[in-house]
Protein backbone atom coordinates (compact mmCIF):
# COMPACT_ATOMS: atom_id res chain seq x y z
CA UNK A 1 264.32 118.58 37.96
CA UNK A 2 264.99 117.22 34.54
CA UNK A 3 266.14 119.48 31.71
CA UNK A 4 263.16 120.15 29.50
CA UNK A 5 262.85 120.59 25.77
CA UNK A 6 262.29 124.13 24.52
CA UNK A 7 258.68 125.15 24.88
CA UNK A 8 257.86 122.70 27.67
CA UNK A 9 256.98 123.72 31.18
CA UNK A 10 259.06 122.47 34.10
CA UNK A 11 256.88 121.26 36.93
CA UNK A 12 258.31 120.96 40.44
CA UNK A 13 258.69 117.47 41.83
CA UNK A 14 256.37 116.30 44.58
CA UNK A 15 259.32 116.48 47.02
CA UNK A 16 259.80 120.17 46.20
CA UNK A 17 256.12 120.81 46.89
CA UNK A 18 255.94 118.79 50.10
CA UNK A 19 255.38 120.90 53.21
CA UNK A 20 253.49 120.33 56.41
CA UNK A 21 250.23 122.25 56.16
CA UNK A 22 249.14 124.87 58.64
CA UNK A 23 245.88 123.16 59.49
CA UNK A 24 243.85 125.86 61.26
CA UNK A 25 240.41 127.35 60.70
CA UNK A 26 239.60 130.82 59.46
CA UNK A 27 238.62 131.89 62.99
CA UNK A 28 242.07 130.88 64.26
CA UNK A 29 243.76 132.79 61.44
CA UNK A 30 241.61 135.85 62.05
CA UNK A 31 242.30 135.81 65.79
CA UNK A 32 246.05 135.46 65.26
CA UNK A 33 246.31 137.74 62.22
CA UNK A 34 247.77 140.84 63.86
CA UNK A 35 250.45 139.03 65.83
CA UNK A 36 251.16 136.54 63.04
CA UNK A 37 251.53 139.44 60.62
CA UNK A 38 254.07 141.19 62.81
CA UNK A 39 256.04 138.05 63.70
CA UNK A 40 256.20 136.68 60.14
CA UNK A 41 256.31 140.05 58.37
CA UNK A 42 259.70 139.54 56.73
CA UNK A 43 258.98 136.11 55.23
CA UNK A 44 255.50 137.18 54.10
CA UNK A 45 256.82 140.27 52.34
CA UNK A 46 259.72 138.40 50.74
CA UNK A 47 257.24 135.86 49.36
CA UNK A 48 254.94 138.57 48.01
CA UNK A 49 257.90 140.43 46.49
CA UNK A 50 259.05 137.23 44.78
CA UNK A 51 255.55 136.53 43.42
CA UNK A 52 255.29 140.09 42.13
CA UNK A 53 258.75 140.15 40.53
CA UNK A 54 258.86 136.62 39.11
CA UNK A 55 255.23 136.30 37.98
CA UNK A 56 255.74 132.54 38.30
CA UNK A 57 254.84 130.77 41.56
CA UNK A 58 257.27 127.94 40.83
CA UNK A 59 260.18 130.34 41.33
CA UNK A 60 258.98 131.28 44.81
CA UNK A 61 258.69 127.86 46.42
CA UNK A 62 261.49 128.52 48.91
CA UNK A 63 259.93 131.80 50.01
CA UNK A 64 256.55 130.07 50.36
CA UNK A 65 258.13 127.36 52.49
CA UNK A 66 259.65 130.06 54.71
CA UNK A 67 256.18 131.56 55.26
CA UNK A 68 254.79 128.12 56.07
CA UNK A 69 257.64 127.38 58.49
CA UNK A 70 257.15 130.71 60.24
CA UNK A 71 253.42 130.04 60.60
CA UNK A 72 253.99 126.56 62.05
CA UNK A 73 256.52 127.89 64.55
CA UNK A 74 254.21 130.78 65.43
CA UNK A 75 251.26 128.53 66.26
CA UNK A 76 253.12 125.52 67.74
CA UNK A 77 256.01 126.97 69.67
CA UNK A 78 254.76 130.39 70.62
CA UNK A 79 250.98 130.60 70.94
CA UNK A 80 250.35 126.99 71.95
CA UNK A 81 253.15 126.96 74.53
CA UNK A 82 252.67 130.41 76.05
CA UNK A 83 249.07 131.59 75.50
CA UNK A 84 246.95 128.59 74.52
CA UNK A 85 244.03 129.24 76.87
CA UNK A 86 243.42 132.96 76.14
CA UNK A 87 243.99 132.37 72.44
CA UNK A 88 241.50 129.49 72.38
CA UNK A 89 238.92 131.64 74.17
CA UNK A 90 239.47 134.45 71.67
CA UNK A 91 239.24 132.40 68.48
CA UNK A 92 236.31 130.40 69.87
CA UNK A 93 234.44 133.65 70.48
CA UNK A 94 235.19 134.78 66.92
CA UNK A 95 234.06 131.42 65.58
CA UNK A 96 230.84 131.49 67.63
CA UNK A 97 229.49 134.60 65.91
CA UNK A 98 228.33 133.87 62.37
CA UNK A 99 230.21 136.67 60.63
CA UNK A 100 233.37 136.33 62.73
CA UNK A 101 232.98 139.85 64.04
CA UNK A 102 235.95 140.93 66.12
CA UNK A 103 233.97 143.68 67.85
CA UNK A 104 231.95 141.09 69.76
CA UNK A 105 235.10 139.56 71.28
CA UNK A 106 237.05 142.59 72.55
CA UNK A 107 237.19 141.25 76.12
CA UNK A 108 238.79 137.98 74.99
CA UNK A 109 241.06 139.90 72.61
CA UNK A 110 242.35 142.04 75.48
CA UNK A 111 243.14 138.97 77.59
CA UNK A 112 244.96 137.38 74.63
CA UNK A 113 246.88 140.58 73.82
CA UNK A 114 247.88 140.94 77.48
CA UNK A 115 249.15 137.34 77.49
CA UNK A 116 251.35 137.71 74.41
CA UNK A 117 252.66 141.02 75.73
CA UNK A 118 253.48 139.58 79.16
CA UNK A 119 254.87 136.22 78.04
CA UNK A 120 256.29 136.94 74.58
CA UNK A 121 256.84 140.69 74.60
CA UNK A 122 254.64 141.24 71.55
CA UNK A 123 252.57 144.38 71.28
CA UNK A 124 249.53 144.30 69.03
CA UNK A 125 250.52 146.34 65.96
CA UNK A 126 248.58 149.52 65.33
CA UNK A 127 246.03 149.55 62.55
CA UNK A 128 247.92 149.89 59.25
CA UNK A 129 251.34 149.29 60.84
CA UNK A 130 252.10 146.22 58.71
CA UNK A 131 251.23 148.00 55.46
CA UNK A 132 253.38 151.10 55.98
CA UNK A 133 255.78 152.13 53.25
CA UNK A 134 259.39 151.26 54.02
CA UNK A 135 262.36 153.18 52.64
CA UNK A 136 265.94 152.03 52.25
CA UNK A 137 269.22 153.20 50.74
CA UNK A 138 269.28 152.76 46.96
CA UNK A 139 272.29 151.23 45.20
CA UNK A 140 270.84 151.00 41.70
CA UNK A 141 269.11 147.65 42.09
CA UNK A 142 265.46 148.23 42.92
CA UNK A 143 264.73 144.61 43.87
CA UNK A 144 267.61 144.43 46.35
CA UNK A 145 266.72 147.82 47.79
CA UNK A 146 263.11 146.82 48.33
CA UNK A 147 264.17 143.50 49.86
CA UNK A 148 266.56 145.30 52.23
CA UNK A 149 263.76 147.65 53.19
CA UNK A 150 261.52 144.68 53.94
CA UNK A 151 264.19 143.36 56.27
CA UNK A 152 263.90 146.55 58.28
CA UNK A 153 267.36 148.00 57.70
CA UNK A 154 265.96 151.48 57.20
CA UNK A 155 263.33 153.68 58.76
CA UNK A 156 259.87 154.30 57.48
CA UNK A 157 259.40 157.04 54.92
CA UNK A 158 256.23 158.86 54.06
CA UNK A 159 255.16 158.87 50.42
CA UNK A 160 254.74 162.62 50.78
CA UNK A 161 258.46 163.24 51.36
CA UNK A 162 258.85 164.28 47.72
CA UNK A 163 260.58 161.08 46.63
CA UNK A 164 257.77 159.89 44.40
CA UNK A 165 255.45 161.56 41.95
CA UNK A 166 252.35 159.95 40.50
CA UNK A 167 252.87 158.53 37.03
CA UNK A 168 250.62 159.54 34.17
CA UNK A 169 249.75 155.90 33.47
CA UNK A 170 247.07 154.09 35.45
CA UNK A 171 248.80 150.73 34.86
CA UNK A 172 250.87 148.71 37.32
CA UNK A 173 253.62 151.32 37.43
CA UNK A 174 251.55 153.84 39.35
CA UNK A 175 254.47 155.90 40.57
CA UNK A 176 257.79 157.10 39.27
CA UNK A 177 260.90 157.36 41.38
CA UNK A 178 263.19 160.35 41.48
CA UNK A 179 266.17 158.82 43.22
CA UNK A 180 269.40 160.77 43.52
CA UNK A 181 272.40 158.63 44.43
CA UNK A 182 272.63 157.59 48.07
CA UNK A 183 269.12 158.75 48.86
CA UNK A 184 266.10 156.90 50.12
CA UNK A 185 263.53 155.12 47.98
CA UNK A 186 260.09 153.79 48.73
């Protein structure tokens, strides 16, 4: 990058933006979503945290590349190598029905889930598992604490444990934290 004059916008070089695309259809993504979400959870959440904190996608290119790398490894070196046939049957079934309804493909889903469990040791995450609130020890830096929580260093904490109270504002800061030293945060 070249130093810019004040008031100009720095644009990443084409080399910084160059990544190999994850070239799959929406049916493939939908079929793999639960397992992809659990296997690439850390990189996905780090990317989303960066986007939320920085409010500038240019500052999150490395995190985006990590998500892309995880997705490529997930499809190429895990699903394709170990469970290609049941996965293909599952996503083809989803693709066949016009609205990509999962309920019409439960038989193929079960065969696929059994394959990834047997060959990769992956259990299909429960509904809502990937969106659970994570708590972690708080050292005064909210961003680091949240990032540590995303890495799974702490257990899950319910929002009803008395650590948060709803804020009066309906803006982005929808909750306030009451965090005594060396306690857990959400």
